[in-house]
Protein backbone atom coordinates (compact mmCIF):
# COMPACT_ATOMS: atom_id res chain seq x y z
CA MET A 1 0.05 0.04 -0.02
CA ALA A 2 1.40 3.34 -1.04
CA GLY A 3 0.41 6.81 0.25
CA GLY A 4 0.32 10.20 -1.44
CA TRP A 5 1.30 10.16 -5.09
CA ALA A 6 3.50 7.09 -4.78
CA LYS A 7 2.41 3.97 -6.62
CA ASP A 8 2.03 0.62 -4.96
CA GLY A 9 5.34 -1.03 -4.14
CA ALA A 10 7.29 2.31 -4.36
CA VAL A 11 8.77 1.83 -0.85
CA GLY A 12 10.16 -1.59 -1.79
CA GLU A 13 11.54 -0.22 -5.05
CA GLN A 14 13.28 2.59 -3.07
CA ILE A 15 14.85 0.11 -0.67
CA GLU A 16 15.92 -2.15 -3.52
CA ALA A 17 17.49 0.85 -5.44
CA SER A 18 19.29 1.92 -2.36
CA ILE A 19 20.74 -1.53 -1.82
CA ASN A 20 21.73 -1.80 -5.43
CA ASP A 21 23.47 1.62 -5.29
CA GLU A 22 25.40 0.59 -2.25
CA LEU A 23 26.44 -2.71 -3.75
CA ALA A 24 27.64 -0.95 -6.92
CA ARG A 25 29.64 1.56 -4.89
CA MET A 26 31.34 -1.28 -3.02
CA ARG A 27 32.12 -3.17 -6.14
CA ALA A 28 33.54 0.02 -7.74
CA LYS A 29 36.27 0.39 -5.10
CA ALA A 30 39.45 -0.53 -6.90
CA ALA A 31 41.54 -3.37 -5.55
CA PRO A 32 45.12 -2.61 -4.95
CA GLN A 33 47.26 -2.98 -8.09
CA GLY A 34 50.89 -2.79 -8.92
CA GLU A 35 53.83 -3.88 -6.82
CA SER A 36 53.40 -4.20 -3.07
CA ARG A 37 55.28 -1.75 -0.79
CA THR A 38 57.75 -3.12 1.75
CA HIS A 39 56.80 -0.30 4.26
CA CYS A 40 53.40 1.22 5.01
CA ALA A 41 52.50 4.36 3.01
CA ASP A 42 50.97 5.95 6.13
CA CYS A 43 53.16 5.01 9.10
CA GLU A 44 56.31 3.65 7.36
CA GLU A 45 56.13 0.38 9.50
CA PRO A 46 57.34 -2.73 7.70
CA ILE A 47 54.52 -4.76 5.90
CA PRO A 48 54.91 -8.43 6.64
CA GLU A 49 55.88 -10.70 3.81
CA ALA A 50 52.76 -12.84 4.27
CA ARG A 51 50.50 -9.79 3.77
CA ARG A 52 52.46 -8.74 0.62
CA ALA A 53 52.13 -12.22 -0.79
CA ALA A 54 48.41 -12.42 0.04
CA ILE A 55 47.38 -9.08 -1.45
CA SER A 56 49.13 -7.86 -4.55
CA GLY A 57 49.78 -4.12 -4.56
CA VAL A 58 49.27 -3.72 -0.87
CA LYS A 59 50.25 -0.25 0.35
CA LEU A 60 49.19 -0.16 3.96
CA CYS A 61 49.93 -2.22 7.04
CA VAL A 62 47.16 -4.11 8.82
CA ASP A 63 46.72 -1.45 11.55
CA CYS A 64 46.50 1.49 9.03
CA ALA A 65 44.24 -0.46 6.65
CA SER A 66 41.86 -1.25 9.66
CA ASP A 67 41.84 2.38 10.65
CA ARG A 68 41.06 3.49 7.15
CA ASP A 69 38.31 0.88 6.66
CA THR A 70 36.52 1.93 9.85
CA ARG A 71 36.42 5.66 9.08
CA PRO A 72 32.94 6.81 8.01
CA GLU A 73 32.58 7.72 4.44
CA ALA A 74 30.62 10.94 3.62
CA ARG A 75 27.69 10.29 1.42
CA GLY A 76 24.43 11.99 0.46
CA GLY A 77 21.78 12.05 3.21
CA PHE A 78 18.73 11.29 1.20
CA ASN A 79 17.45 8.89 -1.45
CA ARG A 80 17.68 10.74 -4.75
CA ARG A 81 15.59 8.13 -6.49
CA GLY A 82 12.71 8.62 -4.03
CA SER A 83 9.56 10.47 -5.05
CA LYS A 84 9.08 14.13 -4.11
CA ASP A 85 6.51 13.31 -1.31
CA SER A 86 8.81 10.81 0.31
CA GLN A 87 11.53 13.41 0.60
CA LEU A 88 9.18 15.95 2.05
CA LYS A 89 8.19 13.91 5.03
């Protein structure tokens, strides 16, 4: 059941579109390429040989990579695909 000017199933479509956008954004992140560094690009600590062998093109040590992965990423605060009445609520 939809309300206002939205058609039936509009909420589900918006949720699915948001999920697909997020999945596309995650897939678009480029994997490291090139030759691995021997020392971290951020803190200059040595990168273990096992990490360099496991991930080609690695540039960060485990600690710096974990810190970077847990930082919040700035993104838009509303669903741009949503109808006008859903954005006005």
